[in-house]
Protein backbone atom coordinates (compact mmCIF):
# COMPACT_ATOMS: atom_id res chain seq x y z
CA UNK A 1 127.84 73.55 65.09
CA UNK A 2 127.92 70.69 62.60
CA UNK A 3 125.25 68.12 63.35
CA UNK A 4 124.71 64.61 62.04
CA UNK A 5 121.62 65.93 60.22
CA UNK A 6 123.66 68.57 58.42
CA UNK A 7 126.33 66.06 57.38
CA UNK A 8 123.65 63.62 56.24
CA UNK A 9 121.91 66.21 54.07
CA UNK A 10 125.22 67.14 52.40
CA UNK A 11 125.98 63.48 51.67
CA UNK A 12 122.43 63.01 50.37
CA UNK A 13 122.85 65.94 47.97
CA UNK A 14 126.02 64.38 46.57
CA UNK A 15 124.35 60.97 46.23
CA UNK A 16 121.42 62.53 44.38
CA UNK A 17 123.86 64.15 41.97
CA UNK A 18 125.80 60.90 41.64
CA UNK A 19 122.87 59.00 40.15
CA UNK A 20 124.25 58.25 36.65
CA UNK A 21 120.94 58.48 34.84
CA UNK A 22 122.37 58.22 31.33
CA UNK A 23 124.57 55.24 32.20
CA UNK A 24 121.96 53.26 34.10
CA UNK A 25 119.14 54.00 31.67
CA UNK A 26 121.27 53.17 28.63
CA UNK A 27 122.49 49.91 30.12
CA UNK A 28 119.09 48.85 31.45
CA UNK A 29 116.98 49.52 28.35
CA UNK A 30 119.46 49.55 25.46
CA UNK A 31 122.41 47.52 26.70
CA UNK A 32 124.62 50.51 25.92
CA UNK A 33 127.03 52.55 28.02
CA UNK A 34 126.68 55.99 26.44
CA UNK A 35 130.18 56.89 27.66
CA UNK A 36 131.57 54.53 25.05
CA UNK A 37 129.90 56.38 22.17
CA UNK A 38 129.43 59.89 20.85
CA UNK A 39 131.16 62.50 22.97
CA UNK A 40 131.83 60.00 25.76
CA UNK A 41 129.88 62.01 28.34
CA UNK A 42 127.27 60.51 30.65
CA UNK A 43 124.71 63.25 30.14
CA UNK A 44 121.44 64.04 28.42
CA UNK A 45 123.03 65.57 25.31
CA UNK A 46 125.09 62.49 24.53
CA UNK A 47 122.08 60.29 25.29
CA UNK A 48 120.09 62.23 22.69
CA UNK A 49 122.95 61.72 20.25
CA UNK A 50 123.48 58.01 20.94
CA UNK A 51 120.07 56.64 21.95
CA UNK A 52 117.61 59.12 20.48
CA UNK A 53 115.02 61.67 21.56
CA UNK A 54 112.95 59.48 23.89
CA UNK A 55 115.91 58.27 25.92
CA UNK A 56 117.53 61.70 25.90
CA UNK A 57 114.36 63.37 27.16
CA UNK A 58 113.97 60.91 30.03
CA UNK A 59 117.60 61.33 31.09
CA UNK A 60 117.34 65.11 30.83
CA UNK A 61 114.24 65.34 33.04
CA UNK A 62 115.68 62.99 35.66
CA UNK A 63 118.94 64.96 35.75
CA UNK A 64 116.98 68.21 36.14
CA UNK A 65 115.00 66.60 38.97
CA UNK A 66 118.27 65.59 40.67
CA UNK A 67 119.44 69.19 40.84
CA UNK A 68 116.03 70.51 41.88
CA UNK A 69 115.64 67.93 44.64
CA UNK A 70 119.12 68.41 46.09
CA UNK A 71 118.71 72.19 46.12
CA UNK A 72 115.41 71.87 48.01
CA UNK A 73 116.79 69.55 50.69
CA UNK A 74 117.16 72.44 53.21
CA UNK A 75 113.37 72.42 53.54
CA UNK A 76 113.80 69.13 55.42
CA UNK A 77 115.90 70.80 58.11
CA UNK A 78 114.76 72.91 61.05
CA UNK A 79 114.89 76.68 60.50
CA UNK A 80 117.20 76.98 63.51
CA UNK A 81 119.83 75.22 61.39
CA UNK A 82 119.33 76.78 57.96
CA UNK A 83 117.47 79.97 58.85
CA UNK A 84 114.10 81.25 57.67
CA UNK A 85 113.03 80.10 54.20
CA UNK A 86 113.42 83.61 52.80
CA UNK A 87 116.68 84.44 54.52
CA UNK A 88 120.02 84.79 52.67
CA UNK A 89 121.44 82.04 54.91
CA UNK A 90 118.79 79.60 53.66
CA UNK A 91 119.47 80.55 50.02
CA UNK A 92 123.21 80.12 50.59
CA UNK A 93 122.60 76.66 51.98
CA UNK A 94 120.46 75.82 48.97
CA UNK A 95 123.25 76.98 46.67
CA UNK A 96 125.81 74.89 48.53
CA UNK A 97 123.74 71.70 48.26
CA UNK A 98 122.99 72.38 44.62
CA UNK A 99 126.68 72.77 43.84
CA UNK A 100 127.41 69.53 45.69
CA UNK A 101 124.77 67.76 43.55
CA UNK A 102 126.36 69.15 40.38
CA UNK A 103 129.75 67.90 41.54
CA UNK A 104 128.11 64.53 42.12
CA UNK A 105 126.91 64.57 38.51
CA UNK A 106 130.35 65.54 37.23
CA UNK A 107 132.09 62.94 39.42
CA UNK A 108 129.47 60.26 40.21
CA UNK A 109 130.26 57.76 42.92
CA UNK A 110 128.11 55.14 41.22
CA UNK A 111 129.78 55.37 37.80
CA UNK A 112 133.51 55.42 38.46
CA UNK A 113 133.54 59.23 38.80
CA UNK A 114 132.97 59.57 35.02
CA UNK A 115 129.94 61.80 34.67
CA UNK A 116 128.38 64.33 32.36
CA UNK A 117 128.75 68.09 32.03
CA UNK A 118 126.08 68.94 34.56
CA UNK A 119 123.97 71.33 32.47
CA UNK A 120 120.63 69.62 33.21
CA UNK A 121 121.48 69.28 36.91
CA UNK A 122 122.55 72.93 36.97
CA UNK A 123 119.23 73.87 35.43
CA UNK A 124 117.38 71.95 38.13
CA UNK A 125 119.34 73.96 40.68
CA UNK A 126 118.50 77.23 38.91
CA UNK A 127 114.84 76.18 38.79
CA UNK A 128 114.81 75.68 42.56
CA UNK A 129 116.61 78.95 43.29
CA UNK A 130 114.91 81.35 40.85
CA UNK A 131 112.31 79.78 38.55
CA UNK A 132 111.50 82.99 36.55
CA UNK A 133 115.16 83.31 35.55
CA UNK A 134 115.18 79.59 34.79
CA UNK A 135 112.32 80.12 32.32
CA UNK A 136 114.37 82.83 30.60
CA UNK A 137 117.23 80.36 30.28
CA UNK A 138 114.92 77.71 28.82
CA UNK A 139 113.54 80.18 26.29
CA UNK A 140 117.03 81.13 25.12
CA UNK A 141 118.12 77.49 25.02
CA UNK A 142 115.16 76.41 22.87
CA UNK A 143 115.43 79.40 20.55
CA UNK A 144 119.16 78.88 20.04
CA UNK A 145 118.67 75.14 19.49
CA UNK A 146 115.94 75.69 16.91
CA UNK A 147 118.11 78.16 15.02
CA UNK A 148 121.54 76.51 15.25
CA UNK A 149 120.78 72.87 16.20
CA UNK A 150 123.83 72.94 18.49
CA UNK A 151 123.05 71.75 22.03
CA UNK A 152 126.43 72.93 23.31
CA UNK A 153 125.98 76.46 21.96
CA UNK A 154 122.43 76.53 23.33
CA UNK A 155 123.67 75.45 26.77
CA UNK A 156 126.36 78.12 26.79
CA UNK A 157 123.87 80.79 25.70
CA UNK A 158 121.38 79.72 28.38
CA UNK A 159 124.14 79.79 31.00
CA UNK A 160 125.00 83.40 30.19
CA UNK A 161 121.31 84.29 30.18
CA UNK A 162 121.03 83.44 33.88
CA UNK A 163 123.21 86.23 35.36
CA UNK A 164 122.09 88.72 32.71
CA UNK A 165 118.40 88.13 33.45
CA UNK A 166 119.01 88.25 37.20
CA UNK A 167 120.81 91.59 36.96
CA UNK A 168 118.83 93.37 34.24
CA UNK A 169 115.33 91.89 34.41
CA UNK A 170 114.80 90.73 37.99
CA UNK A 171 117.18 93.20 39.69
CA UNK A 172 118.45 90.56 42.11
CA UNK A 173 120.14 92.04 45.19
CA UNK A 174 121.36 88.81 46.84
CA UNK A 175 125.16 88.76 46.27
CA UNK A 176 125.51 84.98 46.64
CA UNK A 177 122.99 84.32 43.86
CA UNK A 178 124.81 86.66 41.48
CA UNK A 179 128.16 85.07 42.32
CA UNK A 180 126.62 81.66 41.74
CA UNK A 181 125.20 82.79 38.40
CA UNK A 182 128.62 84.01 37.28
CA UNK A 183 130.20 80.77 38.49
CA UNK A 184 127.71 78.83 36.34
CA UNK A 185 128.99 80.65 33.25
CA UNK A 186 132.57 79.79 34.15
CA UNK A 187 131.71 76.13 34.83
CA UNK A 188 129.82 75.75 31.56
CA UNK A 189 132.73 77.26 29.62
CA UNK A 190 135.17 74.91 31.35
CA UNK A 191 133.10 71.78 30.78
CA UNK A 192 132.39 72.72 27.16
CA UNK A 193 135.95 73.49 26.05
CA UNK A 194 136.04 70.62 23.54
CA UNK A 195 132.61 71.61 22.23
CA UNK A 196 133.78 75.19 21.75
CA UNK A 197 136.80 73.95 19.81
CA UNK A 198 134.56 71.81 17.57
CA UNK A 199 132.15 74.74 17.09
CA UNK A 200 134.99 76.99 15.96
CA UNK A 201 136.20 74.30 13.54
CA UNK A 202 132.68 73.52 12.31
CA UNK A 203 132.87 69.92 13.52
CA UNK A 204 130.26 70.00 16.28
CA UNK A 205 127.36 67.55 15.90
CA UNK A 206 123.85 68.90 15.41
CA UNK A 207 120.57 67.71 16.90
CA UNK A 208 117.30 68.22 15.05
CA UNK A 209 114.25 68.28 17.32
CA UNK A 210 111.42 68.27 14.80
CA UNK A 211 112.87 66.77 11.67
CA UNK A 212 115.27 64.09 10.62
CA UNK A 213 118.86 64.93 9.98
CA UNK A 214 119.54 65.53 6.34
CA UNK A 215 122.36 63.73 4.63
CA UNK A 216 124.98 65.91 2.95
């Protein structure tokens, strides 16, 4: 039976995801709408590119927190509604709310439905569902970024690390989590199509974490 509490928690998950961190932060502190510059996306990567490391880091952490918070919303509901905290039903409900938050980030109500690519929010969701696998993803992301300086390639690599680590390292037996992990790979590939094209052509922008970009 669908209750008002259940509907409210679903709406809340979408509203959390809809917080346009990059847009609001850029406009409030820099007078800039990041969607009008760089790649045109309202996400952490484009914020790094347009506004710098400090702004990008803040946006990234807030977007991660959005996904983590939305995915943990089932803890606010009675176990008679969502099941025991360790039950597959509870995990499935977490996954559903996390996906809704990611959709909110992709199509934010508060920013004209023009959002980012959802990688940071997806990571917050992964962190809430399976933090050891999330750490594997972070490790791959950082390593790839340090070697290639491509955020897009690092995001794609981290996305594929999630299902691989779940299957080979952690031996996950919950079907819904594995399906979700595979879906993450598909979503990241879909949202990064233009980046993949630029990578193949050698036109993708680089981000240097610990040193200034060299001029050619």
